[in-house]
């Protein structure tokens, strides 16, 4: 009988946290945060609004120095392993290369010793149940437009390290208005954010987003789950 009670209790926790994950603020708007700390962020997360956060990345001096040339100089001969392809990092610095990209690469985070830095950033968004911190680096050169994606994690962050990226984020209430349509058709439903170096964007769970670049952009995508949503987020 005792074990049955324990099992029922654990199942109820799974249901609770998955239900909370799908709770949406249909009236949410972009909130700008100038003085981020764990208490302020925790309170704002409960509102389930997107956050544009300043003065957090600047605490990590190693991130302020990152651009394509500095990465090439600090990692001579580095080969990016991406989807069974090997790409020379130095090719991003070649003048005759006008358009090129690497998206959501975990290997570079590890190889450039950035994992602990981004763990420090995502820490203020996490709680005691958080797990599965993942950080992925993207380098884009030229014009690029990514099609619609959805945040299927408890926490989703984008940290702009160099260049600018235009994000268009969508409240889940617009799901039927944006699915299976072109970027141009759906932008009218979005909140537009021009993400600049040293600024961080938090996208709430289940929100949709696209992003575009027209020059050079280096950004890190970070996400985390919790112990009761990890498997659910993994398979959905």
C-alpha atoms as a PDB file:
ATOM      1  CA  UNK A   1       0.000   0.000   0.000  1.00  0.00           C
ATOM      2  CA  UNK A   2       2.856   2.366   0.884  1.00  0.00           C
ATOM      3  CA  UNK A   3       4.505   1.817  -2.501  1.00  0.00           C
ATOM      4  CA  UNK A   4       1.232   2.475  -4.293  1.00  0.00           C
ATOM      5  CA  UNK A   5       0.910   5.811  -2.504  1.00  0.00           C
ATOM      6  CA  UNK A   6       4.462   6.727  -3.487  1.00  0.00           C
ATOM      7  CA  UNK A   7       3.807   5.821  -7.128  1.00  0.00           C
ATOM      8  CA  UNK A   8       0.580   7.833  -7.191  1.00  0.00           C
ATOM      9  CA  UNK A   9       2.391  10.793  -5.629  1.00  0.00           C
ATOM     10  CA  UNK A  10       5.177  10.675  -8.236  1.00  0.00           C
ATOM     11  CA  UNK A  11       2.686  10.395 -11.100  1.00  0.00           C
ATOM     12  CA  UNK A  12       0.794  13.371  -9.736  1.00  0.00           C
ATOM     13  CA  UNK A  13       4.028  15.398  -9.789  1.00  0.00           C
ATOM     14  CA  UNK A  14       4.609  14.479 -13.430  1.00  0.00           C
ATOM     15  CA  UNK A  15       1.078  15.616 -14.265  1.00  0.00           C
ATOM     16  CA  UNK A  16       1.465  18.813 -12.236  1.00  0.00           C
ATOM     17  CA  UNK A  17       4.680  19.971 -13.907  1.00  0.00           C
ATOM     18  CA  UNK A  18       3.587  19.012 -17.407  1.00  0.00           C
ATOM     19  CA  UNK A  19       0.327  20.880 -16.879  1.00  0.00           C
ATOM     20  CA  UNK A  20       2.228  23.945 -15.636  1.00  0.00           C
ATOM     21  CA  UNK A  21       4.486  23.724 -18.683  1.00  0.00           C
ATOM     22  CA  UNK A  22       1.445  24.181 -20.917  1.00  0.00           C
ATOM     23  CA  UNK A  23      -0.006  27.094 -18.971  1.00  0.00           C
ATOM     24  CA  UNK A  24       0.195  30.136 -21.238  1.00  0.00           C
ATOM     25  CA  UNK A  25      -0.199  33.841 -20.597  1.00  0.00           C
ATOM     26  CA  UNK A  26      -2.330  34.839 -23.590  1.00  0.00           C
ATOM     27  CA  UNK A  27      -1.897  38.529 -22.756  1.00  0.00           C
ATOM     28  CA  UNK A  28       1.900  38.374 -22.459  1.00  0.00           C
ATOM     29  CA  UNK A  29       4.098  41.109 -23.890  1.00  0.00           C
ATOM     30  CA  UNK A  30       7.858  41.575 -24.046  1.00  0.00           C
ATOM     31  CA  UNK A  31       9.375  42.574 -20.695  1.00  0.00           C
ATOM     32  CA  UNK A  32      12.751  44.323 -20.604  1.00  0.00           C
ATOM     33  CA  UNK A  33      14.964  43.600 -17.598  1.00  0.00           C
ATOM     34  CA  UNK A  34      17.836  45.943 -16.737  1.00  0.00           C
ATOM     35  CA  UNK A  35      18.930  44.489 -13.386  1.00  0.00           C
ATOM     36  CA  UNK A  36      18.689  40.687 -13.580  1.00  0.00           C
ATOM     37  CA  UNK A  37      19.073  38.548 -10.479  1.00  0.00           C
ATOM     38  CA  UNK A  38      17.636  35.225  -9.327  1.00  0.00           C
ATOM     39  CA  UNK A  39      14.776  36.766  -7.328  1.00  0.00           C
ATOM     40  CA  UNK A  40      13.679  39.146 -10.090  1.00  0.00           C
ATOM     41  CA  UNK A  41      13.945  36.481 -12.791  1.00  0.00           C
ATOM     42  CA  UNK A  42      12.038  33.924 -10.697  1.00  0.00           C
ATOM     43  CA  UNK A  43       9.153  36.345 -10.234  1.00  0.00           C
ATOM     44  CA  UNK A  44       9.072  37.246 -13.923  1.00  0.00           C
ATOM     45  CA  UNK A  45       9.126  33.608 -15.042  1.00  0.00           C
ATOM     46  CA  UNK A  46       5.864  33.043 -13.207  1.00  0.00           C
ATOM     47  CA  UNK A  47       4.235  35.580 -15.539  1.00  0.00           C
ATOM     48  CA  UNK A  48       5.249  33.462 -18.573  1.00  0.00           C
ATOM     49  CA  UNK A  49       6.160  36.474 -20.667  1.00  0.00           C
ATOM     50  CA  UNK A  50       9.162  36.747 -23.022  1.00  0.00           C
ATOM     51  CA  UNK A  51      12.082  38.607 -21.459  1.00  0.00           C
ATOM     52  CA  UNK A  52      14.762  40.786 -23.004  1.00  0.00           C
ATOM     53  CA  UNK A  53      17.621  40.871 -20.511  1.00  0.00           C
ATOM     54  CA  UNK A  54      20.450  43.379 -20.307  1.00  0.00           C
ATOM     55  CA  UNK A  55      23.512  43.592 -18.033  1.00  0.00           C
ATOM     56  CA  UNK A  56      23.879  39.844 -17.523  1.00  0.00           C
ATOM     57  CA  UNK A  57      26.166  38.769 -20.355  1.00  0.00           C
ATOM     58  CA  UNK A  58      28.456  41.710 -19.535  1.00  0.00           C
ATOM     59  CA  UNK A  59      29.410  39.959 -16.279  1.00  0.00           C
ATOM     60  CA  UNK A  60      31.315  37.396 -18.344  1.00  0.00           C
ATOM     61  CA  UNK A  61      34.232  39.213 -19.976  1.00  0.00           C
ATOM     62  CA  UNK A  62      35.194  36.218 -22.126  1.00  0.00           C
ATOM     63  CA  UNK A  63      31.876  36.488 -23.980  1.00  0.00           C
ATOM     64  CA  UNK A  64      32.360  40.170 -24.819  1.00  0.00           C
ATOM     65  CA  UNK A  65      35.490  39.385 -26.844  1.00  0.00           C
ATOM     66  CA  UNK A  66      33.897  36.814 -29.156  1.00  0.00           C
ATOM     67  CA  UNK A  67      33.663  37.441 -32.881  1.00  0.00           C
ATOM     68  CA  UNK A  68      34.511  35.331 -35.917  1.00  0.00           C
ATOM     69  CA  UNK A  69      38.115  36.549 -36.124  1.00  0.00           C
ATOM     70  CA  UNK A  70      38.807  35.994 -32.425  1.00  0.00           C
ATOM     71  CA  UNK A  71      37.438  32.450 -32.615  1.00  0.00           C
ATOM     72  CA  UNK A  72      39.644  31.711 -35.631  1.00  0.00           C
ATOM     73  CA  UNK A  73      42.744  33.223 -33.995  1.00  0.00           C
ATOM     74  CA  UNK A  74      42.246  31.374 -30.712  1.00  0.00           C
ATOM     75  CA  UNK A  75      41.482  28.071 -32.424  1.00  0.00           C
ATOM     76  CA  UNK A  76      43.866  27.788 -35.418  1.00  0.00           C
ATOM     77  CA  UNK A  77      43.086  24.857 -37.692  1.00  0.00           C
ATOM     78  CA  UNK A  78      39.843  24.094 -35.849  1.00  0.00           C
ATOM     79  CA  UNK A  79      37.467  21.802 -37.739  1.00  0.00           C
ATOM     80  CA  UNK A  80      33.762  22.064 -36.931  1.00  0.00           C
ATOM     81  CA  UNK A  81      32.051  18.685 -36.756  1.00  0.00           C
ATOM     82  CA  UNK A  82      28.472  19.248 -37.823  1.00  0.00           C
ATOM     83  CA  UNK A  83      25.933  16.646 -38.983  1.00  0.00           C
ATOM     84  CA  UNK A  84      28.575  14.234 -40.324  1.00  0.00           C
ATOM     85  CA  UNK A  85      30.352  17.098 -42.081  1.00  0.00           C
ATOM     86  CA  UNK A  86      33.740  18.647 -41.330  1.00  0.00           C
ATOM     87  CA  UNK A  87      33.931  22.415 -41.889  1.00  0.00           C
ATOM     88  CA  UNK A  88      36.970  24.613 -41.321  1.00  0.00           C
ATOM     89  CA  UNK A  89      36.261  27.445 -38.884  1.00  0.00           C
ATOM     90  CA  UNK A  90      38.682  29.653 -40.815  1.00  0.00           C
ATOM     91  CA  UNK A  91      36.392  29.520 -43.860  1.00  0.00           C
ATOM     92  CA  UNK A  92      34.019  31.917 -42.048  1.00  0.00           C
ATOM     93  CA  UNK A  93      36.797  34.523 -42.202  1.00  0.00           C
ATOM     94  CA  UNK A  94      37.410  34.275 -45.934  1.00  0.00           C
ATOM     95  CA  UNK A  95      36.298  37.403 -47.796  1.00  0.00           C
ATOM     96  CA  UNK A  96      34.992  35.514 -50.815  1.00  0.00           C
ATOM     97  CA  UNK A  97      32.649  33.473 -48.607  1.00  0.00           C
ATOM     98  CA  UNK A  98      29.481  35.584 -48.476  1.00  0.00           C
ATOM     99  CA  UNK A  99      26.985  33.101 -47.071  1.00  0.00           C
ATOM    100  CA  UNK A 100      27.625  30.235 -44.671  1.00  0.00           C
ATOM    101  CA  UNK A 101      26.226  28.916 -41.417  1.00  0.00           C
ATOM    102  CA  UNK A 102      26.560  26.414 -38.595  1.00  0.00           C
ATOM    103  CA  UNK A 103      23.448  25.958 -36.434  1.00  0.00           C
ATOM    104  CA  UNK A 104      23.073  24.685 -32.874  1.00  0.00           C
ATOM    105  CA  UNK A 105      26.460  23.043 -32.505  1.00  0.00           C
ATOM    106  CA  UNK A 106      27.245  21.596 -29.062  1.00  0.00           C
ATOM    107  CA  UNK A 107      30.806  20.582 -29.922  1.00  0.00           C
ATOM    108  CA  UNK A 108      31.975  24.180 -30.271  1.00  0.00           C
ATOM    109  CA  UNK A 109      30.637  25.067 -26.833  1.00  0.00           C
ATOM    110  CA  UNK A 110      32.752  22.295 -25.307  1.00  0.00           C
ATOM    111  CA  UNK A 111      35.837  22.873 -27.468  1.00  0.00           C
ATOM    112  CA  UNK A 112      35.868  26.643 -26.869  1.00  0.00           C
ATOM    113  CA  UNK A 113      35.466  26.100 -23.079  1.00  0.00           C
ATOM    114  CA  UNK A 114      32.185  28.024 -22.921  1.00  0.00           C
ATOM    115  CA  UNK A 115      30.036  25.451 -21.148  1.00  0.00           C
ATOM    116  CA  UNK A 116      30.672  26.706 -17.593  1.00  0.00           C
ATOM    117  CA  UNK A 117      30.015  30.310 -18.637  1.00  0.00           C
ATOM    118  CA  UNK A 118      26.616  29.521 -20.120  1.00  0.00           C
ATOM    119  CA  UNK A 119      25.795  27.268 -17.167  1.00  0.00           C
ATOM    120  CA  UNK A 120      26.318  30.355 -15.023  1.00  0.00           C
ATOM    121  CA  UNK A 121      23.909  32.343 -17.176  1.00  0.00           C
ATOM    122  CA  UNK A 122      21.144  29.743 -17.281  1.00  0.00           C
ATOM    123  CA  UNK A 123      21.527  29.115 -13.543  1.00  0.00           C
ATOM    124  CA  UNK A 124      19.460  32.166 -12.611  1.00  0.00           C
ATOM    125  CA  UNK A 125      16.566  30.793 -14.707  1.00  0.00           C
ATOM    126  CA  UNK A 126      16.712  27.326 -13.163  1.00  0.00           C
ATOM    127  CA  UNK A 127      15.500  25.912  -9.870  1.00  0.00           C
ATOM    128  CA  UNK A 128      16.269  22.878  -7.704  1.00  0.00           C
ATOM    129  CA  UNK A 129      14.385  20.565 -10.079  1.00  0.00           C
ATOM    130  CA  UNK A 130      16.139  21.766 -13.228  1.00  0.00           C
ATOM    131  CA  UNK A 131      18.233  19.395 -15.299  1.00  0.00           C
ATOM    132  CA  UNK A 132      19.617  18.821 -18.794  1.00  0.00           C
ATOM    133  CA  UNK A 133      21.404  22.132 -19.360  1.00  0.00           C
ATOM    134  CA  UNK A 134      22.316  22.210 -23.052  1.00  0.00           C
ATOM    135  CA  UNK A 135      24.167  24.993 -24.888  1.00  0.00           C
ATOM    136  CA  UNK A 136      24.592  25.207 -28.659  1.00  0.00           C
ATOM    137  CA  UNK A 137      26.547  27.728 -30.705  1.00  0.00           C
ATOM    138  CA  UNK A 138      25.411  29.103 -34.074  1.00  0.00           C
ATOM    139  CA  UNK A 139      27.571  31.090 -36.498  1.00  0.00           C
ATOM    140  CA  UNK A 140      25.821  32.715 -39.456  1.00  0.00           C
ATOM    141  CA  UNK A 141      27.390  34.758 -42.225  1.00  0.00           C
ATOM    142  CA  UNK A 142      25.232  36.495 -44.818  1.00  0.00           C
ATOM    143  CA  UNK A 143      21.448  36.471 -45.153  1.00  0.00           C
ATOM    144  CA  UNK A 144      19.579  33.639 -43.466  1.00  0.00           C
ATOM    145  CA  UNK A 145      15.946  33.065 -42.516  1.00  0.00           C
ATOM    146  CA  UNK A 146      15.005  30.155 -40.267  1.00  0.00           C
ATOM    147  CA  UNK A 147      11.539  28.685 -40.523  1.00  0.00           C
ATOM    148  CA  UNK A 148       9.130  28.364 -37.612  1.00  0.00           C
ATOM    149  CA  UNK A 149      10.378  26.585 -34.482  1.00  0.00           C
ATOM    150  CA  UNK A 150       8.815  25.981 -31.059  1.00  0.00           C
ATOM    151  CA  UNK A 151      10.335  26.006 -27.602  1.00  0.00           C
ATOM    152  CA  UNK A 152       9.681  22.524 -26.194  1.00  0.00           C
ATOM    153  CA  UNK A 153      11.705  23.007 -23.015  1.00  0.00           C
ATOM    154  CA  UNK A 154      11.093  24.630 -19.645  1.00  0.00           C
ATOM    155  CA  UNK A 155      13.707  27.293 -20.334  1.00  0.00           C
ATOM    156  CA  UNK A 156      14.911  28.559 -23.733  1.00  0.00           C
ATOM    157  CA  UNK A 157      17.517  31.332 -23.965  1.00  0.00           C
ATOM    158  CA  UNK A 158      19.274  33.034 -26.857  1.00  0.00           C
ATOM    159  CA  UNK A 159      22.450  34.954 -26.056  1.00  0.00           C
ATOM    160  CA  UNK A 160      23.712  37.283 -28.788  1.00  0.00           C
ATOM    161  CA  UNK A 161      27.513  37.323 -28.792  1.00  0.00           C
ATOM    162  CA  UNK A 162      28.331  39.206 -31.993  1.00  0.00           C
ATOM    163  CA  UNK A 163      26.320  40.868 -34.754  1.00  0.00           C
ATOM    164  CA  UNK A 164      22.538  41.234 -34.726  1.00  0.00           C
ATOM    165  CA  UNK A 165      19.691  38.739 -35.087  1.00  0.00           C
ATOM    166  CA  UNK A 166      16.062  39.639 -35.751  1.00  0.00           C
ATOM    167  CA  UNK A 167      13.736  37.388 -33.766  1.00  0.00           C
ATOM    168  CA  UNK A 168       9.991  37.111 -34.295  1.00  0.00           C
ATOM    169  CA  UNK A 169       8.312  35.361 -31.379  1.00  0.00           C
ATOM    170  CA  UNK A 170       4.721  34.127 -31.283  1.00  0.00           C
ATOM    171  CA  UNK A 171       2.313  33.497 -28.442  1.00  0.00           C
ATOM    172  CA  UNK A 172       0.862  29.948 -28.695  1.00  0.00           C
ATOM    173  CA  UNK A 173      -2.589  31.505 -29.029  1.00  0.00           C
ATOM    174  CA  UNK A 174      -1.603  32.237 -32.654  1.00  0.00           C
ATOM    175  CA  UNK A 175      -0.790  28.602 -33.443  1.00  0.00           C
ATOM    176  CA  UNK A 176      -3.546  28.217 -36.031  1.00  0.00           C
ATOM    177  CA  UNK A 177      -2.531  31.513 -37.651  1.00  0.00           C
ATOM    178  CA  UNK A 178       1.137  30.621 -38.168  1.00  0.00           C
ATOM    179  CA  UNK A 179       1.504  26.873 -38.735  1.00  0.00           C
ATOM    180  CA  UNK A 180       2.399  25.828 -42.302  1.00  0.00           C
ATOM    181  CA  UNK A 181       2.793  29.395 -43.530  1.00  0.00           C
ATOM    182  CA  UNK A 182       5.754  31.402 -44.794  1.00  0.00           C
ATOM    183  CA  UNK A 183       7.772  33.690 -42.555  1.00  0.00           C
ATOM    184  CA  UNK A 184       6.467  36.705 -44.426  1.00  0.00           C
ATOM    185  CA  UNK A 185       2.844  35.679 -43.859  1.00  0.00           C
ATOM    186  CA  UNK A 186       3.164  35.180 -40.097  1.00  0.00           C
ATOM    187  CA  UNK A 187       5.283  38.126 -38.993  1.00  0.00           C
ATOM    188  CA  UNK A 188       2.192  40.235 -38.347  1.00  0.00           C
ATOM    189  CA  UNK A 189       1.366  37.980 -35.390  1.00  0.00           C
ATOM    190  CA  UNK A 190       4.798  38.308 -33.814  1.00  0.00           C
ATOM    191  CA  UNK A 191       6.660  40.305 -31.221  1.00  0.00           C
ATOM    192  CA  UNK A 192       9.793  41.516 -33.031  1.00  0.00           C
ATOM    193  CA  UNK A 193      13.106  41.636 -31.182  1.00  0.00           C
ATOM    194  CA  UNK A 194      16.364  42.924 -32.636  1.00  0.00           C
ATOM    195  CA  UNK A 195      18.835  41.001 -30.513  1.00  0.00           C
ATOM    196  CA  UNK A 196      22.123  42.874 -30.129  1.00  0.00           C
ATOM    197  CA  UNK A 197      25.493  41.798 -28.676  1.00  0.00           C
ATOM    198  CA  UNK A 198      25.444  41.270 -24.928  1.00  0.00           C
ATOM    199  CA  UNK A 199      21.646  40.958 -24.772  1.00  0.00           C
ATOM    200  CA  UNK A 200      19.754  37.801 -23.894  1.00  0.00           C
ATOM    201  CA  UNK A 201      16.266  36.693 -24.983  1.00  0.00           C
ATOM    202  CA  UNK A 202      14.134  34.321 -22.890  1.00  0.00           C
ATOM    203  CA  UNK A 203      11.332  32.578 -24.796  1.00  0.00           C
ATOM    204  CA  UNK A 204       8.579  30.966 -22.669  1.00  0.00           C
ATOM    205  CA  UNK A 205       7.676  27.290 -23.036  1.00  0.00           C
ATOM    206  CA  UNK A 206       5.548  26.432 -26.086  1.00  0.00           C
ATOM    207  CA  UNK A 207       6.061  29.819 -27.739  1.00  0.00           C
ATOM    208  CA  UNK A 208       7.028  29.786 -31.417  1.00  0.00           C
ATOM    209  CA  UNK A 209       9.809  31.764 -33.051  1.00  0.00           C
ATOM    210  CA  UNK A 210      11.703  32.458 -36.259  1.00  0.00           C
ATOM    211  CA  UNK A 211      14.895  34.415 -36.687  1.00  0.00           C
ATOM    212  CA  UNK A 212      16.749  36.127 -39.502  1.00  0.00           C
ATOM    213  CA  UNK A 213      20.215  37.576 -40.124  1.00  0.00           C
ATOM    214  CA  UNK A 214      21.557  39.816 -42.872  1.00  0.00           C
ATOM    215  CA  UNK A 215      25.266  39.940 -41.999  1.00  0.00           C
ATOM    216  CA  UNK A 216      27.360  38.125 -39.387  1.00  0.00           C
ATOM    217  CA  UNK A 217      25.805  36.708 -36.235  1.00  0.00           C
ATOM    218  CA  UNK A 218      27.113  34.541 -33.412  1.00  0.00           C
ATOM    219  CA  UNK A 219      24.591  33.420 -30.842  1.00  0.00           C
ATOM    220  CA  UNK A 220      24.178  30.708 -28.254  1.00  0.00           C
ATOM    221  CA  UNK A 221      20.961  28.786 -27.727  1.00  0.00           C
ATOM    222  CA  UNK A 222      20.565  27.387 -24.204  1.00  0.00           C
ATOM    223  CA  UNK A 223      17.798  25.264 -22.745  1.00  0.00           C
ATOM    224  CA  UNK A 224      16.918  23.207 -19.704  1.00  0.00           C
ATOM    225  CA  UNK A 225      14.108  20.967 -18.437  1.00  0.00           C
ATOM    226  CA  UNK A 226      13.244  19.605 -15.018  1.00  0.00           C
ATOM    227  CA  UNK A 227      13.213  16.060 -13.685  1.00  0.00           C
ATOM    228  CA  UNK A 228       9.468  15.707 -14.255  1.00  0.00           C
ATOM    229  CA  UNK A 229       9.335  17.173 -17.773  1.00  0.00           C
ATOM    230  CA  UNK A 230      12.606  15.900 -19.257  1.00  0.00           C
ATOM    231  CA  UNK A 231      11.259  12.724 -20.862  1.00  0.00           C
ATOM    232  CA  UNK A 232       8.054  14.438 -21.947  1.00  0.00           C
ATOM    233  CA  UNK A 233      10.008  17.261 -23.597  1.00  0.00           C
ATOM    234  CA  UNK A 234      12.345  14.767 -25.221  1.00  0.00           C
ATOM    235  CA  UNK A 235       9.640  12.808 -27.015  1.00  0.00           C
ATOM    236  CA  UNK A 236       7.077  15.488 -27.876  1.00  0.00           C
END
